[in-house]
Amino acid sequence: MTRIGCCGFPKRRTVYFGNFNCVELQNTFYQPPQKLETFYKLREEAPPAFEFTVKAWQIITHPKTSPTYRRLKKDIGNPHNYGFFKPTKEVFAAFRRIYEVANSLKAKIILFQTPPNFKENKENIDNMYKFFSRIEKGNLTFCWEERSSFKDTTIRRICKDLNLIHVVDPFKKEPVWGDFLYFRLHGKGGYRYKYTKKDLKYLKRLVERSSGYVFFNNIYMWEDALSFKKMIS
């Protein structure tokens, strides 16, 4: 089965829950709410079969120079120790928080998105191996969206060794590893792009090959997700 949804809630949650069966939470990337009760209540508010996936806190993946930190309300520890899976107390503390969030939502997946300046080099790859070998996994599946220029052979090796699902925008590249699909659609050429019927037919052919998740992350995510849901139903 393919689950379809949006990156975040573009409509009121009650409306969203009535139309889709999954969502990828975005506030967990910028600044997770301090109280886990927020997520317990969200889980109770959603239908029983509804699924949350959790985008990992930027402190794990992005250095402090990233413009996304404008939405971080409070630093934890030393900001120079943030990002790129560095084996620092700050990065591991950020993961423990996200792990708690995922469990409170009964989520199955945590998404780790690395920025364009996370390059393919020995230090970054070594940090990934150190990070994923030390963190608690429980029953979660970890997914990795690489947005730089890693070679496919490197991505495949890392995902195989660390048991990660390779996440892609299917209009930019194909996944090279994983038991299921995890697509994040950022808009062809930018977030203001609206997907055409031809685009959605192409996407339909891709998801017919395997089950997984399709999350729209463009300005028209609500309309496009509804259109795609109708097309494959």
C-alpha atoms as a PDB file:
ATOM      1  CA  MET A   1       0.000   0.000   0.000  1.00  0.00           C
ATOM      2  CA  THR A   2       1.162   3.508  -0.791  1.00  0.00           C
ATOM      3  CA  ARG A   3       0.457   6.168   1.809  1.00  0.00           C
ATOM      4  CA  ILE A   4       0.006   9.719   0.524  1.00  0.00           C
ATOM      5  CA  GLY A   5       0.274  12.930   2.493  1.00  0.00           C
ATOM      6  CA  CYS A   6       1.998  16.256   3.017  1.00  0.00           C
ATOM      7  CA  CYS A   7       5.093  17.541   4.748  1.00  0.00           C
ATOM      8  CA  GLY A   8       3.335  19.322   7.578  1.00  0.00           C
ATOM      9  CA  PHE A   9      -0.317  20.304   7.928  1.00  0.00           C
ATOM     10  CA  PRO A  10      -1.413  22.701   5.157  1.00  0.00           C
ATOM     11  CA  LYS A  11      -4.977  22.657   6.530  1.00  0.00           C
ATOM     12  CA  ARG A  12      -6.583  22.340   9.946  1.00  0.00           C
ATOM     13  CA  ARG A  13      -5.725  18.977  11.424  1.00  0.00           C
ATOM     14  CA  THR A  14      -9.350  17.852  11.588  1.00  0.00           C
ATOM     15  CA  VAL A  15      -9.679  18.522   7.848  1.00  0.00           C
ATOM     16  CA  TYR A  16      -6.357  16.852   7.115  1.00  0.00           C
ATOM     17  CA  PHE A  17      -7.210  13.722   9.101  1.00  0.00           C
ATOM     18  CA  GLY A  18     -10.392  13.386   7.092  1.00  0.00           C
ATOM     19  CA  ASN A  19      -8.510  13.267   3.795  1.00  0.00           C
ATOM     20  CA  PHE A  20      -5.156  11.566   4.377  1.00  0.00           C
ATOM     21  CA  ASN A  21      -3.758   8.666   6.378  1.00  0.00           C
ATOM     22  CA  CYS A  22      -0.257   9.992   7.077  1.00  0.00           C
ATOM     23  CA  VAL A  23       1.785  13.164   7.586  1.00  0.00           C
ATOM     24  CA  GLU A  24       5.468  13.975   7.873  1.00  0.00           C
ATOM     25  CA  LEU A  25       5.912  16.278  10.868  1.00  0.00           C
ATOM     26  CA  GLN A  26       8.063  19.340  10.184  1.00  0.00           C
ATOM     27  CA  ASN A  27       8.137  21.200  13.496  1.00  0.00           C
ATOM     28  CA  THR A  28      10.309  18.422  14.893  1.00  0.00           C
ATOM     29  CA  PHE A  29      13.032  19.540  12.487  1.00  0.00           C
ATOM     30  CA  TYR A  30      13.024  23.207  13.485  1.00  0.00           C
ATOM     31  CA  GLN A  31      12.154  23.118  17.182  1.00  0.00           C
ATOM     32  CA  PRO A  32      10.317  20.171  18.760  1.00  0.00           C
ATOM     33  CA  PRO A  33       7.783  21.292  21.370  1.00  0.00           C
ATOM     34  CA  GLN A  34       9.265  20.917  24.833  1.00  0.00           C
ATOM     35  CA  LYS A  35       6.422  18.862  26.282  1.00  0.00           C
ATOM     36  CA  LEU A  36       5.835  15.318  25.081  1.00  0.00           C
ATOM     37  CA  GLU A  37       2.199  15.782  26.065  1.00  0.00           C
ATOM     38  CA  THR A  38       1.853  17.807  22.855  1.00  0.00           C
ATOM     39  CA  PHE A  39       2.599  14.690  20.824  1.00  0.00           C
ATOM     40  CA  TYR A  40       0.524  12.345  22.986  1.00  0.00           C
ATOM     41  CA  LYS A  41      -2.459  14.640  22.423  1.00  0.00           C
ATOM     42  CA  LEU A  42      -1.754  14.754  18.689  1.00  0.00           C
ATOM     43  CA  ARG A  43      -1.702  10.956  18.586  1.00  0.00           C
ATOM     44  CA  GLU A  44      -5.045  10.827  20.421  1.00  0.00           C
ATOM     45  CA  GLU A  45      -6.539  13.431  18.094  1.00  0.00           C
ATOM     46  CA  ALA A  46      -5.656  11.445  14.960  1.00  0.00           C
ATOM     47  CA  PRO A  47      -7.586   8.390  13.744  1.00  0.00           C
ATOM     48  CA  PRO A  48      -6.198   5.064  15.051  1.00  0.00           C
ATOM     49  CA  ALA A  49      -4.818   4.003  11.649  1.00  0.00           C
ATOM     50  CA  PHE A  50      -3.267   7.396  10.921  1.00  0.00           C
ATOM     51  CA  GLU A  51       0.539   7.350  10.676  1.00  0.00           C
ATOM     52  CA  PHE A  52       3.054  10.017  11.632  1.00  0.00           C
ATOM     53  CA  THR A  53       6.597  10.113  10.333  1.00  0.00           C
ATOM     54  CA  VAL A  54       9.075  12.371  12.131  1.00  0.00           C
ATOM     55  CA  LYS A  55      11.684  14.600  10.537  1.00  0.00           C
ATOM     56  CA  ALA A  56      14.801  14.566  12.720  1.00  0.00           C
ATOM     57  CA  TRP A  57      15.864  17.727  14.549  1.00  0.00           C
ATOM     58  CA  GLN A  58      18.220  19.932  12.520  1.00  0.00           C
ATOM     59  CA  ILE A  59      20.775  19.831  15.344  1.00  0.00           C
ATOM     60  CA  ILE A  60      21.567  16.272  14.219  1.00  0.00           C
ATOM     61  CA  THR A  61      21.999  16.971  10.533  1.00  0.00           C
ATOM     62  CA  HIS A  62      22.556  20.689   9.874  1.00  0.00           C
ATOM     63  CA  PRO A  63      25.435  22.921  11.040  1.00  0.00           C
ATOM     64  CA  LYS A  64      24.573  26.110  12.922  1.00  0.00           C
ATOM     65  CA  THR A  65      25.312  28.165   9.781  1.00  0.00           C
ATOM     66  CA  SER A  66      22.154  26.796   8.148  1.00  0.00           C
ATOM     67  CA  PRO A  67      19.453  29.463   7.635  1.00  0.00           C
ATOM     68  CA  THR A  68      16.920  27.010   9.093  1.00  0.00           C
ATOM     69  CA  TYR A  69      18.235  27.856  12.570  1.00  0.00           C
ATOM     70  CA  ARG A  70      16.317  31.123  12.459  1.00  0.00           C
ATOM     71  CA  ARG A  71      13.432  29.037  13.805  1.00  0.00           C
ATOM     72  CA  LEU A  72      15.410  27.491  16.674  1.00  0.00           C
ATOM     73  CA  LYS A  73      14.169  29.107  19.865  1.00  0.00           C
ATOM     74  CA  LYS A  74      16.917  27.978  22.230  1.00  0.00           C
ATOM     75  CA  ASP A  75      20.387  26.515  21.762  1.00  0.00           C
ATOM     76  CA  ILE A  76      21.359  23.327  23.543  1.00  0.00           C
ATOM     77  CA  GLY A  77      25.009  23.104  24.529  1.00  0.00           C
ATOM     78  CA  ASN A  78      27.612  24.435  22.096  1.00  0.00           C
ATOM     79  CA  PRO A  79      26.222  25.337  18.646  1.00  0.00           C
ATOM     80  CA  HIS A  80      29.625  24.619  17.083  1.00  0.00           C
ATOM     81  CA  ASN A  81      28.947  20.943  17.825  1.00  0.00           C
ATOM     82  CA  TYR A  82      25.750  20.814  15.787  1.00  0.00           C
ATOM     83  CA  GLY A  83      25.091  18.951  12.571  1.00  0.00           C
ATOM     84  CA  PHE A  84      26.632  16.443  10.154  1.00  0.00           C
ATOM     85  CA  PHE A  85      26.001  13.556  12.622  1.00  0.00           C
ATOM     86  CA  LYS A  86      28.960  14.690  14.720  1.00  0.00           C
ATOM     87  CA  PRO A  87      29.546  12.365  17.699  1.00  0.00           C
ATOM     88  CA  THR A  88      28.870  15.162  20.207  1.00  0.00           C
ATOM     89  CA  LYS A  89      26.696  15.322  23.295  1.00  0.00           C
ATOM     90  CA  GLU A  90      24.539  17.952  21.579  1.00  0.00           C
ATOM     91  CA  VAL A  91      23.785  15.737  18.577  1.00  0.00           C
ATOM     92  CA  PHE A  92      23.028  12.684  20.711  1.00  0.00           C
ATOM     93  CA  ALA A  93      20.841  14.757  23.044  1.00  0.00           C
ATOM     94  CA  ALA A  94      18.879  15.986  20.009  1.00  0.00           C
ATOM     95  CA  PHE A  95      18.380  12.407  18.852  1.00  0.00           C
ATOM     96  CA  ARG A  96      17.155  11.264  22.262  1.00  0.00           C
ATOM     97  CA  ARG A  97      14.531  13.987  22.075  1.00  0.00           C
ATOM     98  CA  ILE A  98      13.401  12.915  18.606  1.00  0.00           C
ATOM     99  CA  TYR A  99      13.343   9.277  19.692  1.00  0.00           C
ATOM    100  CA  GLU A 100      10.990  10.201  22.536  1.00  0.00           C
ATOM    101  CA  VAL A 101       8.801  12.185  20.146  1.00  0.00           C
ATOM    102  CA  ALA A 102       8.573   9.274  17.702  1.00  0.00           C
ATOM    103  CA  ASN A 103       7.585   6.871  20.462  1.00  0.00           C
ATOM    104  CA  SER A 104       4.957   9.230  21.860  1.00  0.00           C
ATOM    105  CA  LEU A 105       3.367   9.371  18.392  1.00  0.00           C
ATOM    106  CA  LYS A 106       3.736   5.618  17.849  1.00  0.00           C
ATOM    107  CA  ALA A 107       5.658   6.563  14.712  1.00  0.00           C
ATOM    108  CA  LYS A 108       7.430   3.930  12.630  1.00  0.00           C
ATOM    109  CA  ILE A 109       9.863   6.190  10.773  1.00  0.00           C
ATOM    110  CA  ILE A 110      12.380   8.932  11.496  1.00  0.00           C
ATOM    111  CA  LEU A 111      13.611  10.878   8.465  1.00  0.00           C
ATOM    112  CA  PHE A 112      17.130  12.308   8.466  1.00  0.00           C
ATOM    113  CA  GLN A 113      17.592  14.987   5.807  1.00  0.00           C
ATOM    114  CA  THR A 114      21.150  16.157   5.167  1.00  0.00           C
ATOM    115  CA  PRO A 115      21.789  19.576   3.566  1.00  0.00           C
ATOM    116  CA  PRO A 116      23.571  20.306   0.261  1.00  0.00           C
ATOM    117  CA  ASN A 117      26.826  21.136   2.073  1.00  0.00           C
ATOM    118  CA  PHE A 118      26.959  17.664   3.647  1.00  0.00           C
ATOM    119  CA  LYS A 119      29.514  16.414   1.139  1.00  0.00           C
ATOM    120  CA  GLU A 120      30.809  12.949   0.416  1.00  0.00           C
ATOM    121  CA  ASN A 121      34.022  12.835   2.412  1.00  0.00           C
ATOM    122  CA  LYS A 122      35.633  10.555   4.978  1.00  0.00           C
ATOM    123  CA  GLU A 123      34.752  12.689   8.007  1.00  0.00           C
ATOM    124  CA  ASN A 124      31.053  12.910   7.194  1.00  0.00           C
ATOM    125  CA  ILE A 125      30.754   9.229   6.340  1.00  0.00           C
ATOM    126  CA  ASP A 126      32.669   8.198   9.470  1.00  0.00           C
ATOM    127  CA  ASN A 127      30.337  10.393  11.544  1.00  0.00           C
ATOM    128  CA  MET A 128      27.305   8.641  10.064  1.00  0.00           C
ATOM    129  CA  TYR A 129      28.689   5.241  11.012  1.00  0.00           C
ATOM    130  CA  LYS A 130      29.505   6.407  14.542  1.00  0.00           C
ATOM    131  CA  PHE A 131      26.101   8.030  14.991  1.00  0.00           C
ATOM    132  CA  PHE A 132      23.923   5.187  13.733  1.00  0.00           C
ATOM    133  CA  SER A 133      25.980   2.557  15.561  1.00  0.00           C
ATOM    134  CA  ARG A 134      25.448   4.289  18.916  1.00  0.00           C
ATOM    135  CA  ILE A 135      21.834   5.441  18.892  1.00  0.00           C
ATOM    136  CA  GLU A 136      18.850   3.428  20.065  1.00  0.00           C
ATOM    137  CA  LYS A 137      16.611   2.191  17.287  1.00  0.00           C
ATOM    138  CA  GLY A 138      13.839   0.249  18.971  1.00  0.00           C
ATOM    139  CA  ASN A 139      11.200  -0.659  16.387  1.00  0.00           C
ATOM    140  CA  LEU A 140      11.862   2.400  14.245  1.00  0.00           C
ATOM    141  CA  THR A 141      13.005   2.535  10.640  1.00  0.00           C
ATOM    142  CA  PHE A 142      15.513   5.251   9.737  1.00  0.00           C
ATOM    143  CA  CYS A 143      15.353   7.000   6.358  1.00  0.00           C
ATOM    144  CA  TRP A 144      18.005   9.242   4.804  1.00  0.00           C
ATOM    145  CA  GLU A 145      17.418  12.005   2.266  1.00  0.00           C
ATOM    146  CA  GLU A 146      20.799  12.953   0.805  1.00  0.00           C
ATOM    147  CA  ARG A 147      20.615  16.349  -0.927  1.00  0.00           C
ATOM    148  CA  SER A 148      24.228  16.843  -1.959  1.00  0.00           C
ATOM    149  CA  SER A 149      26.124  14.868  -4.600  1.00  0.00           C
ATOM    150  CA  PHE A 150      27.017  11.505  -3.063  1.00  0.00           C
ATOM    151  CA  LYS A 151      27.733   8.793  -5.604  1.00  0.00           C
ATOM    152  CA  ASP A 152      25.035   6.138  -5.873  1.00  0.00           C
ATOM    153  CA  THR A 153      27.552   3.440  -4.950  1.00  0.00           C
ATOM    154  CA  THR A 154      28.376   5.300  -1.718  1.00  0.00           C
ATOM    155  CA  ILE A 155      24.715   5.818  -0.846  1.00  0.00           C
ATOM    156  CA  ARG A 156      24.000   2.157  -1.468  1.00  0.00           C
ATOM    157  CA  ARG A 157      26.901   1.048   0.729  1.00  0.00           C
ATOM    158  CA  ILE A 158      25.946   3.367   3.588  1.00  0.00           C
ATOM    159  CA  CYS A 159      22.268   2.424   3.477  1.00  0.00           C
ATOM    160  CA  LYS A 160      23.070  -1.280   3.341  1.00  0.00           C
ATOM    161  CA  ASP A 161      25.571  -1.119   6.207  1.00  0.00           C
ATOM    162  CA  LEU A 162      23.434   1.115   8.432  1.00  0.00           C
ATOM    163  CA  ASN A 163      20.035  -0.306   7.462  1.00  0.00           C
ATOM    164  CA  LEU A 164      18.702   2.986   6.081  1.00  0.00           C
ATOM    165  CA  ILE A 165      16.013   3.653   3.482  1.00  0.00           C
ATOM    166  CA  HIS A 166      17.203   5.943   0.684  1.00  0.00           C
ATOM    167  CA  VAL A 167      14.779   8.879   0.341  1.00  0.00           C
ATOM    168  CA  VAL A 168      14.506  10.838  -2.913  1.00  0.00           C
ATOM    169  CA  ASP A 169      12.478  13.300  -4.892  1.00  0.00           C
ATOM    170  CA  PRO A 170      11.551  10.923  -7.749  1.00  0.00           C
ATOM    171  CA  PHE A 171      11.633  13.748 -10.289  1.00  0.00           C
ATOM    172  CA  LYS A 172      15.322  14.287  -9.489  1.00  0.00           C
ATOM    173  CA  LYS A 173      16.746  10.814  -8.902  1.00  0.00           C
ATOM    174  CA  GLU A 174      15.884   7.190  -8.219  1.00  0.00           C
ATOM    175  CA  PRO A 175      16.316   5.451  -4.859  1.00  0.00           C
ATOM    176  CA  VAL A 176      19.202   3.004  -4.741  1.00  0.00           C
ATOM    177  CA  TRP A 177      18.371   1.135  -1.530  1.00  0.00           C
ATOM    178  CA  GLY A 178      15.396   0.218   0.639  1.00  0.00           C
ATOM    179  CA  ASP A 179      12.590  -2.242   1.267  1.00  0.00           C
ATOM    180  CA  PHE A 180       9.986   0.413   0.479  1.00  0.00           C
ATOM    181  CA  LEU A 181       9.716   3.783  -1.237  1.00  0.00           C
ATOM    182  CA  TYR A 182       9.893   7.091   0.571  1.00  0.00           C
ATOM    183  CA  PHE A 183       9.341   9.997  -1.824  1.00  0.00           C
ATOM    184  CA  ARG A 184       9.502  13.691  -0.899  1.00  0.00           C
ATOM    185  CA  LEU A 185       8.279  15.938  -3.717  1.00  0.00           C
ATOM    186  CA  HIS A 186       9.768  19.427  -3.469  1.00  0.00           C
ATOM    187  CA  GLY A 187       8.456  20.755  -6.795  1.00  0.00           C
ATOM    188  CA  LYS A 188      10.165  20.497 -10.162  1.00  0.00           C
ATOM    189  CA  GLY A 189      12.472  23.490 -10.160  1.00  0.00           C
ATOM    190  CA  GLY A 190      11.202  24.877  -6.860  1.00  0.00           C
ATOM    191  CA  TYR A 191       8.497  24.861  -4.199  1.00  0.00           C
ATOM    192  CA  ARG A 192       6.121  27.028  -6.267  1.00  0.00           C
ATOM    193  CA  TYR A 193       5.708  24.298  -8.863  1.00  0.00           C
ATOM    194  CA  LYS A 194       2.300  22.663  -9.307  1.00  0.00           C
ATOM    195  CA  TYR A 195       2.431  19.073 -10.514  1.00  0.00           C
ATOM    196  CA  THR A 196       0.694  18.352 -13.802  1.00  0.00           C
ATOM    197  CA  LYS A 197      -1.489  15.379 -14.654  1.00  0.00           C
ATOM    198  CA  LYS A 198       1.422  14.018 -16.686  1.00  0.00           C
ATOM    199  CA  ASP A 199       3.698  14.323 -13.648  1.00  0.00           C
ATOM    200  CA  LEU A 200       1.254  12.483 -11.438  1.00  0.00           C
ATOM    201  CA  LYS A 201       0.809   9.693 -13.991  1.00  0.00           C
ATOM    202  CA  TYR A 202       4.577   9.238 -14.022  1.00  0.00           C
ATOM    203  CA  LEU A 203       4.560   9.125 -10.215  1.00  0.00           C
ATOM    204  CA  LYS A 204       1.740   6.570 -10.307  1.00  0.00           C
ATOM    205  CA  ARG A 205       3.842   4.255 -12.468  1.00  0.00           C
ATOM    206  CA  LEU A 206       6.674   4.470  -9.953  1.00  0.00           C
ATOM    207  CA  VAL A 207       4.598   3.618  -6.885  1.00  0.00           C
ATOM    208  CA  GLU A 208       2.890   0.725  -8.673  1.00  0.00           C
ATOM    209  CA  ARG A 209       6.242  -1.098  -8.506  1.00  0.00           C
ATOM    210  CA  SER A 210       6.500  -0.989  -4.721  1.00  0.00           C
ATOM    211  CA  SER A 211       4.691   0.162  -1.586  1.00  0.00           C
ATOM    212  CA  GLY A 212       5.769   3.140   0.464  1.00  0.00           C
ATOM    213  CA  TYR A 213       5.182   6.808   1.203  1.00  0.00           C
ATOM    214  CA  VAL A 214       4.610   9.841  -1.007  1.00  0.00           C
ATOM    215  CA  PHE A 215       4.852  13.227   0.711  1.00  0.00           C
ATOM    216  CA  PHE A 216       4.264  16.475  -1.169  1.00  0.00           C
ATOM    217  CA  ASN A 217       6.351  19.436  -0.011  1.00  0.00           C
ATOM    218  CA  ASN A 218       5.502  22.222  -2.462  1.00  0.00           C
ATOM    219  CA  ILE A 219       3.260  25.291  -2.280  1.00  0.00           C
ATOM    220  CA  TYR A 220       0.378  23.297  -3.789  1.00  0.00           C
ATOM    221  CA  MET A 221       0.964  20.230  -1.624  1.00  0.00           C
ATOM    222  CA  TRP A 222      -2.679  19.977  -0.528  1.00  0.00           C
ATOM    223  CA  GLU A 223      -4.134  20.108  -4.027  1.00  0.00           C
ATOM    224  CA  ASP A 224      -1.437  17.873  -5.532  1.00  0.00           C
ATOM    225  CA  ALA A 225      -1.711  15.249  -2.800  1.00  0.00           C
ATOM    226  CA  LEU A 226      -5.486  15.105  -3.207  1.00  0.00           C
ATOM    227  CA  SER A 227      -5.158  14.801  -6.976  1.00  0.00           C
ATOM    228  CA  PHE A 228      -2.643  11.988  -6.664  1.00  0.00           C
ATOM    229  CA  LYS A 229      -4.730  10.190  -4.069  1.00  0.00           C
ATOM    230  CA  LYS A 230      -7.723  10.307  -6.404  1.00  0.00           C
ATOM    231  CA  MET A 231      -5.611   9.070  -9.323  1.00  0.00           C
ATOM    232  CA  ILE A 232      -4.388   5.919  -7.579  1.00  0.00           C
ATOM    233  CA  SER A 233      -7.540   5.112  -5.638  1.00  0.00           C
END
